[in-house]
Amino acid sequence: MKCKIFTGKWYEAQDAFNQWAKGKALTREVLIHEQIVPHVLGEHEPRLMIVVYHPEDPHWDETPQKPAIPVYEVPIPKTKVEEIKVTQ
């Protein structure tokens, strides 16, 4: 068995775990444990720790990459430059 730990603010740990678990069958062989870590050094949000025990298979070690954000160098026809807003 191997162990993988996701930690951070609850939404960061949750997003990292969900990205890692995407496309994997979480069966009886996979044990998932969650733990709330109390405030540390003045932080206002508690931290979440997700501990996953999984079989020693290379399939479990890989994390799918997020798709790249498309970059358009030419504006869409009939669109004014002032109407284009850049967001992240």
PDB file of N, CA and C in Angstrom:
ATOM      1  N   MET A   1       0.837  -1.183   0.000  1.00  0.00           N
ATOM      2  CA  MET A   1       0.000   0.000   0.000  1.00  0.00           C
ATOM      3  C   MET A   1       0.880   1.245   0.000  1.00  0.00           C
ATOM      4  N   LYS A   2       0.390   2.275  -0.660  1.00  0.00           N
ATOM      5  CA  LYS A   2       1.047   3.575  -0.670  1.00  0.00           C
ATOM      6  C   LYS A   2       0.120   4.595  -0.035  1.00  0.00           C
ATOM      7  N   CYS A   3       0.681   5.736   0.340  1.00  0.00           N
ATOM      8  CA  CYS A   3      -0.087   6.785   0.988  1.00  0.00           C
ATOM      9  C   CYS A   3       0.091   8.092   0.217  1.00  0.00           C
ATOM     10  N   LYS A   4      -0.999   8.797   0.004  1.00  0.00           N
ATOM     11  CA  LYS A   4      -0.970  10.107  -0.646  1.00  0.00           C
ATOM     12  C   LYS A   4      -1.730  11.061   0.262  1.00  0.00           C
ATOM     13  N   ILE A   5      -1.165  12.250   0.523  1.00  0.00           N
ATOM     14  CA  ILE A   5      -1.763  13.207   1.444  1.00  0.00           C
ATOM     15  C   ILE A   5      -2.038  14.516   0.711  1.00  0.00           C
ATOM     16  N   PHE A   6      -3.266  15.004   0.858  1.00  0.00           N
ATOM     17  CA  PHE A   6      -3.677  16.294   0.305  1.00  0.00           C
ATOM     18  C   PHE A   6      -4.000  17.196   1.484  1.00  0.00           C
ATOM     19  N   THR A   7      -3.381  18.361   1.537  1.00  0.00           N
ATOM     20  CA  THR A   7      -3.606  19.247   2.664  1.00  0.00           C
ATOM     21  C   THR A   7      -3.662  20.696   2.203  1.00  0.00           C
ATOM     22  N   GLY A   8      -4.288  21.512   3.005  1.00  0.00           N
ATOM     23  CA  GLY A   8      -4.425  22.936   2.705  1.00  0.00           C
ATOM     24  C   GLY A   8      -5.749  23.428   3.228  1.00  0.00           C
ATOM     25  N   LYS A   9      -6.135  24.627   2.812  1.00  0.00           N
ATOM     26  CA  LYS A   9      -7.469  25.106   3.140  1.00  0.00           C
ATOM     27  C   LYS A   9      -8.449  24.117   2.523  1.00  0.00           C
ATOM     28  N   TRP A  10      -9.644  24.015   3.102  1.00  0.00           N
ATOM     29  CA  TRP A  10     -10.541  22.925   2.715  1.00  0.00           C
ATOM     30  C   TRP A  10     -10.772  22.850   1.217  1.00  0.00           C
ATOM     31  N   TYR A  11     -10.908  23.982   0.558  1.00  0.00           N
ATOM     32  CA  TYR A  11     -11.184  23.958  -0.880  1.00  0.00           C
ATOM     33  C   TYR A  11      -9.938  23.582  -1.679  1.00  0.00           C
ATOM     34  N   GLU A  12      -8.743  23.934  -1.186  1.00  0.00           N
ATOM     35  CA  GLU A  12      -7.512  23.557  -1.889  1.00  0.00           C
ATOM     36  C   GLU A  12      -7.298  22.052  -1.801  1.00  0.00           C
ATOM     37  N   ALA A  13      -7.452  21.484  -0.603  1.00  0.00           N
ATOM     38  CA  ALA A  13      -7.279  20.038  -0.420  1.00  0.00           C
ATOM     39  C   ALA A  13      -8.336  19.274  -1.207  1.00  0.00           C
ATOM     40  N   GLN A  14      -9.560  19.762  -1.181  1.00  0.00           N
ATOM     41  CA  GLN A  14     -10.650  19.101  -1.890  1.00  0.00           C
ATOM     42  C   GLN A  14     -10.408  19.125  -3.397  1.00  0.00           C
ATOM     43  N   ASP A  15      -9.991  20.263  -3.937  1.00  0.00           N
ATOM     44  CA  ASP A  15      -9.731  20.361  -5.375  1.00  0.00           C
ATOM     45  C   ASP A  15      -8.574  19.455  -5.797  1.00  0.00           C
ATOM     46  N   ALA A  16      -7.509  19.420  -4.989  1.00  0.00           N
ATOM     47  CA  ALA A  16      -6.360  18.567  -5.311  1.00  0.00           C
ATOM     48  C   ALA A  16      -6.766  17.091  -5.284  1.00  0.00           C
ATOM     49  N   PHE A  17      -7.555  16.709  -4.275  1.00  0.00           N
ATOM     50  CA  PHE A  17      -8.017  15.318  -4.198  1.00  0.00           C
ATOM     51  C   PHE A  17      -8.912  14.977  -5.381  1.00  0.00           C
ATOM     52  N   ASN A  18      -9.856  15.850  -5.701  1.00  0.00           N
ATOM     53  CA  ASN A  18     -10.773  15.581  -6.815  1.00  0.00           C
ATOM     54  C   ASN A  18     -10.031  15.468  -8.137  1.00  0.00           C
ATOM     55  N   GLN A  19      -9.018  16.302  -8.338  1.00  0.00           N
ATOM     56  CA  GLN A  19      -8.237  16.228  -9.572  1.00  0.00           C
ATOM     57  C   GLN A  19      -7.482  14.901  -9.640  1.00  0.00           C
ATOM     58  N   TRP A  20      -6.904  14.472  -8.512  1.00  0.00           N
ATOM     59  CA  TRP A  20      -6.167  13.213  -8.475  1.00  0.00           C
ATOM     60  C   TRP A  20      -7.107  12.031  -8.677  1.00  0.00           C
ATOM     61  N   ALA A  21      -8.301  12.064  -8.077  1.00  0.00           N
ATOM     62  CA  ALA A  21      -9.219  10.928  -8.098  1.00  0.00           C
ATOM     63  C   ALA A  21     -10.012  10.813  -9.399  1.00  0.00           C
ATOM     64  N   LYS A  22      -9.966  11.835 -10.231  1.00  0.00           N
ATOM     65  CA  LYS A  22     -10.755  11.824 -11.472  1.00  0.00           C
ATOM     66  C   LYS A  22     -10.365  10.629 -12.344  1.00  0.00           C
ATOM     67  N   GLY A  23     -11.348   9.813 -12.683  1.00  0.00           N
ATOM     68  CA  GLY A  23     -11.122   8.660 -13.550  1.00  0.00           C
ATOM     69  C   GLY A  23     -10.641   7.420 -12.824  1.00  0.00           C
ATOM     70  N   LYS A  24     -10.470   7.473 -11.517  1.00  0.00           N
ATOM     71  CA  LYS A  24     -10.018   6.320 -10.743  1.00  0.00           C
ATOM     72  C   LYS A  24     -11.220   5.702 -10.034  1.00  0.00           C
ATOM     73  N   ALA A  25     -11.242   4.390  -9.968  1.00  0.00           N
ATOM     74  CA  ALA A  25     -12.315   3.685  -9.265  1.00  0.00           C
ATOM     75  C   ALA A  25     -11.930   3.569  -7.794  1.00  0.00           C
ATOM     76  N   LEU A  26     -12.632   4.297  -6.950  1.00  0.00           N
ATOM     77  CA  LEU A  26     -12.346   4.258  -5.515  1.00  0.00           C
ATOM     78  C   LEU A  26     -13.084   3.064  -4.921  1.00  0.00           C
ATOM     79  N   THR A  27     -12.405   1.910  -4.933  1.00  0.00           N
ATOM     80  CA  THR A  27     -13.001   0.647  -4.489  1.00  0.00           C
ATOM     81  C   THR A  27     -12.630   0.359  -3.038  1.00  0.00           C
ATOM     82  N   ARG A  28     -12.892  -0.861  -2.607  1.00  0.00           N
ATOM     83  CA  ARG A  28     -12.600  -1.272  -1.231  1.00  0.00           C
ATOM     84  C   ARG A  28     -11.102  -1.254  -0.922  1.00  0.00           C
ATOM     85  N   GLU A  29     -10.280  -1.338  -1.959  1.00  0.00           N
ATOM     86  CA  GLU A  29      -8.829  -1.346  -1.755  1.00  0.00           C
ATOM     87  C   GLU A  29      -8.281   0.036  -1.412  1.00  0.00           C
ATOM     88  N   VAL A  30      -9.096   1.074  -1.582  1.00  0.00           N
ATOM     89  CA  VAL A  30      -8.667   2.445  -1.344  1.00  0.00           C
ATOM     90  C   VAL A  30      -9.303   2.938  -0.045  1.00  0.00           C
ATOM     91  N   LEU A  31      -8.455   3.340   0.905  1.00  0.00           N
ATOM     92  CA  LEU A  31      -8.937   3.867   2.180  1.00  0.00           C
ATOM     93  C   LEU A  31      -8.734   5.375   2.183  1.00  0.00           C
ATOM     94  N   ILE A  32      -9.781   6.119   2.530  1.00  0.00           N
ATOM     95  CA  ILE A  32      -9.719   7.579   2.552  1.00  0.00           C
ATOM     96  C   ILE A  32     -10.053   8.047   3.958  1.00  0.00           C
ATOM     97  N   HIS A  33      -9.178   8.873   4.510  1.00  0.00           N
ATOM     98  CA  HIS A  33      -9.365   9.404   5.857  1.00  0.00           C
ATOM     99  C   HIS A  33      -9.241  10.917   5.795  1.00  0.00           C
ATOM    100  N   GLU A  34     -10.175  11.612   6.423  1.00  0.00           N
ATOM    101  CA  GLU A  34     -10.140  13.075   6.460  1.00  0.00           C
ATOM    102  C   GLU A  34      -9.910  13.528   7.888  1.00  0.00           C
ATOM    103  N   GLN A  35      -9.162  14.615   8.036  1.00  0.00           N
ATOM    104  CA  GLN A  35      -8.875  15.164   9.362  1.00  0.00           C
ATOM    105  C   GLN A  35      -8.861  16.682   9.266  1.00  0.00           C
ATOM    106  N   ILE A  36      -9.558  17.329  10.176  1.00  0.00           N
ATOM    107  CA  ILE A  36      -9.530  18.784  10.265  1.00  0.00           C
ATOM    108  C   ILE A  36      -8.391  19.162  11.204  1.00  0.00           C
ATOM    109  N   VAL A  37      -7.503  20.030  10.738  1.00  0.00           N
ATOM    110  CA  VAL A  37      -6.380  20.498  11.545  1.00  0.00           C
ATOM    111  C   VAL A  37      -6.768  21.874  12.078  1.00  0.00           C
ATOM    112  N   PRO A  38      -6.730  22.062  13.391  1.00  0.00           N
ATOM    113  CA  PRO A  38      -7.167  23.351  13.946  1.00  0.00           C
ATOM    114  C   PRO A  38      -6.280  24.514  13.510  1.00  0.00           C
ATOM    115  N   HIS A  39      -6.701  25.716  13.872  1.00  0.00           N
ATOM    116  CA  HIS A  39      -5.986  26.939  13.513  1.00  0.00           C
ATOM    117  C   HIS A  39      -4.514  26.849  13.926  1.00  0.00           C
ATOM    118  N   VAL A  40      -3.656  27.284  13.015  1.00  0.00           N
ATOM    119  CA  VAL A  40      -2.219  27.249  13.274  1.00  0.00           C
ATOM    120  C   VAL A  40      -1.646  28.646  13.052  1.00  0.00           C
ATOM    121  N   LEU A  41      -0.919  29.150  14.002  1.00  0.00           N
ATOM    122  CA  LEU A  41      -0.208  30.422  13.878  1.00  0.00           C
ATOM    123  C   LEU A  41      -1.091  31.568  13.368  1.00  0.00           C
ATOM    124  N   GLY A  42      -2.262  31.704  13.943  1.00  0.00           N
ATOM    125  CA  GLY A  42      -3.102  32.842  13.625  1.00  0.00           C
ATOM    126  C   GLY A  42      -3.919  32.727  12.353  1.00  0.00           C
ATOM    127  N   GLU A  43      -3.894  31.587  11.670  1.00  0.00           N
ATOM    128  CA  GLU A  43      -4.735  31.438  10.481  1.00  0.00           C
ATOM    129  C   GLU A  43      -6.192  31.425  10.914  1.00  0.00           C
ATOM    130  N   HIS A  44      -7.048  31.971  10.100  1.00  0.00           N
ATOM    131  CA  HIS A  44      -8.457  32.061  10.457  1.00  0.00           C
ATOM    132  C   HIS A  44      -9.272  30.884   9.940  1.00  0.00           C
ATOM    133  N   GLU A  45      -8.762  30.180   8.970  1.00  0.00           N
ATOM    134  CA  GLU A  45      -9.487  29.033   8.428  1.00  0.00           C
ATOM    135  C   GLU A  45      -8.806  27.744   8.866  1.00  0.00           C
ATOM    136  N   PRO A  46      -9.563  26.766   9.320  1.00  0.00           N
ATOM    137  CA  PRO A  46      -8.946  25.484   9.638  1.00  0.00           C
ATOM    138  C   PRO A  46      -8.465  24.808   8.359  1.00  0.00           C
ATOM    139  N   ARG A  47      -7.520  23.915   8.488  1.00  0.00           N
ATOM    140  CA  ARG A  47      -6.974  23.210   7.335  1.00  0.00           C
ATOM    141  C   ARG A  47      -7.538  21.800   7.286  1.00  0.00           C
ATOM    142  N   LEU A  48      -7.671  21.281   6.093  1.00  0.00           N
ATOM    143  CA  LEU A  48      -8.179  19.939   5.876  1.00  0.00           C
ATOM    144  C   LEU A  48      -7.038  19.065   5.395  1.00  0.00           C
ATOM    145  N   MET A  49      -6.991  17.852   5.914  1.00  0.00           N
ATOM    146  CA  MET A  49      -5.991  16.883   5.473  1.00  0.00           C
ATOM    147  C   MET A  49      -6.744  15.637   5.013  1.00  0.00           C
ATOM    148  N   ILE A  50      -6.535  15.241   3.771  1.00  0.00           N
ATOM    149  CA  ILE A  50      -7.142  14.033   3.218  1.00  0.00           C
ATOM    150  C   ILE A  50      -6.012  13.037   2.994  1.00  0.00           C
ATOM    151  N   VAL A  51      -6.089  11.906   3.686  1.00  0.00           N
ATOM    152  CA  VAL A  51      -5.071  10.869   3.577  1.00  0.00           C
ATOM    153  C   VAL A  51      -5.679   9.703   2.815  1.00  0.00           C
ATOM    154  N   VAL A  52      -5.010   9.278   1.736  1.00  0.00           N
ATOM    155  CA  VAL A  52      -5.513   8.200   0.891  1.00  0.00           C
ATOM    156  C   VAL A  52      -4.478   7.076   0.873  1.00  0.00           C
ATOM    157  N   TYR A  53      -4.911   5.875   1.226  1.00  0.00           N
ATOM    158  CA  TYR A  53      -4.070   4.682   1.130  1.00  0.00           C
ATOM    159  C   TYR A  53      -4.557   3.909  -0.086  1.00  0.00           C
ATOM    160  N   HIS A  54      -3.631   3.619  -1.016  1.00  0.00           N
ATOM    161  CA  HIS A  54      -4.015   2.969  -2.272  1.00  0.00           C
ATOM    162  C   HIS A  54      -3.004   1.896  -2.644  1.00  0.00           C
ATOM    163  N   PRO A  55      -3.374   0.977  -3.564  1.00  0.00           N
ATOM    164  CA  PRO A  55      -2.455  -0.086  -3.987  1.00  0.00           C
ATOM    165  C   PRO A  55      -1.215   0.478  -4.680  1.00  0.00           C
ATOM    166  N   GLU A  56      -0.173  -0.328  -4.719  1.00  0.00           N
ATOM    167  CA  GLU A  56       1.074   0.083  -5.371  1.00  0.00           C
ATOM    168  C   GLU A  56       0.990  -0.211  -6.870  1.00  0.00           C
ATOM    169  N   ASP A  57       0.279   0.624  -7.570  1.00  0.00           N
ATOM    170  CA  ASP A  57       0.097   0.509  -9.009  1.00  0.00           C
ATOM    171  C   ASP A  57       0.417   1.873  -9.615  1.00  0.00           C
ATOM    172  N   PRO A  58       1.181   1.933 -10.698  1.00  0.00           N
ATOM    173  CA  PRO A  58       1.527   3.234 -11.297  1.00  0.00           C
ATOM    174  C   PRO A  58       0.300   4.074 -11.667  1.00  0.00           C
ATOM    175  N   HIS A  59      -0.815   3.413 -11.943  1.00  0.00           N
ATOM    176  CA  HIS A  59      -2.049   4.135 -12.278  1.00  0.00           C
ATOM    177  C   HIS A  59      -2.466   5.065 -11.137  1.00  0.00           C
ATOM    178  N   TRP A  60      -2.237   4.669  -9.898  1.00  0.00           N
ATOM    179  CA  TRP A  60      -2.650   5.459  -8.744  1.00  0.00           C
ATOM    180  C   TRP A  60      -1.711   6.621  -8.473  1.00  0.00           C
ATOM    181  N   ASP A  61      -0.487   6.547  -8.975  1.00  0.00           N
ATOM    182  CA  ASP A  61       0.489   7.607  -8.705  1.00  0.00           C
ATOM    183  C   ASP A  61       0.315   8.834  -9.591  1.00  0.00           C
ATOM    184  N   GLU A  62      -0.300   8.676 -10.739  1.00  0.00           N
ATOM    185  CA  GLU A  62      -0.382   9.799 -11.661  1.00  0.00           C
ATOM    186  C   GLU A  62      -1.591  10.686 -11.365  1.00  0.00           C
ATOM    187  N   THR A  63      -1.397  11.975 -11.596  1.00  0.00           N
ATOM    188  CA  THR A  63      -2.457  12.971 -11.453  1.00  0.00           C
ATOM    189  C   THR A  63      -2.698  13.574 -12.822  1.00  0.00           C
ATOM    190  N   PRO A  64      -3.935  13.489 -13.330  1.00  0.00           N
ATOM    191  CA  PRO A  64      -4.191  14.080 -14.645  1.00  0.00           C
ATOM    192  C   PRO A  64      -3.959  15.587 -14.622  1.00  0.00           C
ATOM    193  N   GLN A  65      -3.370  16.098 -15.678  1.00  0.00           N
ATOM    194  CA  GLN A  65      -3.110  17.525 -15.772  1.00  0.00           C
ATOM    195  C   GLN A  65      -4.374  18.256 -16.191  1.00  0.00           C
ATOM    196  N   LYS A  66      -4.522  19.476 -15.692  1.00  0.00           N
ATOM    197  CA  LYS A  66      -5.652  20.301 -16.099  1.00  0.00           C
ATOM    198  C   LYS A  66      -5.447  20.702 -17.554  1.00  0.00           C
ATOM    199  N   PRO A  67      -6.521  20.772 -18.336  1.00  0.00           N
ATOM    200  CA  PRO A  67      -6.355  21.197 -19.729  1.00  0.00           C
ATOM    201  C   PRO A  67      -5.863  22.627 -19.800  1.00  0.00           C
ATOM    202  N   ALA A  68      -5.055  22.898 -20.799  1.00  0.00           N
ATOM    203  CA  ALA A  68      -4.498  24.238 -20.969  1.00  0.00           C
ATOM    204  C   ALA A  68      -5.607  25.212 -21.390  1.00  0.00           C
ATOM    205  N   ILE A  69      -5.481  26.434 -20.943  1.00  0.00           N
ATOM    206  CA  ILE A  69      -6.442  27.465 -21.302  1.00  0.00           C
ATOM    207  C   ILE A  69      -6.116  27.942 -22.711  1.00  0.00           C
ATOM    208  N   PRO A  70      -7.108  27.922 -23.601  1.00  0.00           N
ATOM    209  CA  PRO A  70      -6.821  28.351 -24.980  1.00  0.00           C
ATOM    210  C   PRO A  70      -6.482  29.840 -25.037  1.00  0.00           C
ATOM    211  N   VAL A  71      -5.531  30.167 -25.893  1.00  0.00           N
ATOM    212  CA  VAL A  71      -5.124  31.556 -26.076  1.00  0.00           C
ATOM    213  C   VAL A  71      -5.482  31.959 -27.502  1.00  0.00           C
ATOM    214  N   TYR A  72      -6.290  32.994 -27.614  1.00  0.00           N
ATOM    215  CA  TYR A  72      -6.692  33.497 -28.918  1.00  0.00           C
ATOM    216  C   TYR A  72      -5.919  34.777 -29.197  1.00  0.00           C
ATOM    217  N   GLU A  73      -5.122  34.753 -30.259  1.00  0.00           N
ATOM    218  CA  GLU A  73      -4.334  35.922 -30.601  1.00  0.00           C
ATOM    219  C   GLU A  73      -5.092  36.859 -31.548  1.00  0.00           C
ATOM    220  N   VAL A  74      -6.105  36.348 -32.201  1.00  0.00           N
ATOM    221  CA  VAL A  74      -6.899  37.157 -33.120  1.00  0.00           C
ATOM    222  C   VAL A  74      -8.291  37.292 -32.516  1.00  0.00           C
ATOM    223  N   PRO A  75      -8.804  38.508 -32.364  1.00  0.00           N
ATOM    224  CA  PRO A  75     -10.151  38.679 -31.797  1.00  0.00           C
ATOM    225  C   PRO A  75     -11.223  38.015 -32.658  1.00  0.00           C
ATOM    226  N   ILE A  76     -12.307  37.671 -32.029  1.00  0.00           N
ATOM    227  CA  ILE A  76     -13.440  37.090 -32.738  1.00  0.00           C
ATOM    228  C   ILE A  76     -14.013  38.172 -33.653  1.00  0.00           C
ATOM    229  N   PRO A  77     -14.369  37.818 -34.880  1.00  0.00           N
ATOM    230  CA  PRO A  77     -14.914  38.828 -35.802  1.00  0.00           C
ATOM    231  C   PRO A  77     -16.119  39.557 -35.196  1.00  0.00           C
ATOM    232  N   LYS A  78     -16.246  40.828 -35.518  1.00  0.00           N
ATOM    233  CA  LYS A  78     -17.333  41.700 -35.064  1.00  0.00           C
ATOM    234  C   LYS A  78     -17.284  41.960 -33.556  1.00  0.00           C
ATOM    235  N   THR A  79     -16.111  41.824 -32.945  1.00  0.00           N
ATOM    236  CA  THR A  79     -15.961  42.113 -31.518  1.00  0.00           C
ATOM    237  C   THR A  79     -15.038  43.309 -31.372  1.00  0.00           C
ATOM    238  N   LYS A  80     -15.484  44.295 -30.627  1.00  0.00           N
ATOM    239  CA  LYS A  80     -14.661  45.466 -30.390  1.00  0.00           C
ATOM    240  C   LYS A  80     -13.652  45.158 -29.286  1.00  0.00           C
ATOM    241  N   VAL A  81     -12.473  45.743 -29.403  1.00  0.00           N
ATOM    242  CA  VAL A  81     -11.426  45.502 -28.429  1.00  0.00           C
ATOM    243  C   VAL A  81     -11.869  45.925 -27.036  1.00  0.00           C
ATOM    244  N   GLU A  82     -12.689  46.982 -26.955  1.00  0.00           N
ATOM    245  CA  GLU A  82     -13.147  47.470 -25.651  1.00  0.00           C
ATOM    246  C   GLU A  82     -14.068  46.468 -24.960  1.00  0.00           C
ATOM    247  N   GLU A  83     -14.712  45.571 -25.729  1.00  0.00           N
ATOM    248  CA  GLU A  83     -15.647  44.604 -25.158  1.00  0.00           C
ATOM    249  C   GLU A  83     -14.933  43.386 -24.595  1.00  0.00           C
ATOM    250  N   ILE A  84     -13.705  43.186 -24.951  1.00  0.00           N
ATOM    251  CA  ILE A  84     -12.964  42.006 -24.503  1.00  0.00           C
ATOM    252  C   ILE A  84     -12.443  42.260 -23.098  1.00  0.00           C
ATOM    253  N   LYS A  85     -12.784  41.368 -22.191  1.00  0.00           N
ATOM    254  CA  LYS A  85     -12.329  41.484 -20.810  1.00  0.00           C
ATOM    255  C   LYS A  85     -11.431  40.282 -20.505  1.00  0.00           C
ATOM    256  N   VAL A  86     -10.325  40.539 -19.873  1.00  0.00           N
ATOM    257  CA  VAL A  86      -9.391  39.477 -19.511  1.00  0.00           C
ATOM    258  C   VAL A  86      -9.682  39.052 -18.080  1.00  0.00           C
ATOM    259  N   THR A  87      -9.936  37.769 -17.879  1.00  0.00           N
ATOM    260  CA  THR A  87     -10.177  37.226 -16.543  1.00  0.00           C
ATOM    261  C   THR A  87      -9.247  36.058 -16.308  1.00  0.00           C
ATOM    262  N   GLN A  88      -9.100  35.704 -15.049  1.00  0.00           N
ATOM    263  CA  GLN A  88      -8.264  34.545 -14.719  1.00  0.00           C
ATOM    264  C   GLN A  88      -9.043  33.548 -13.941  1.00  0.00           C
TER     265      GLN A  88
END
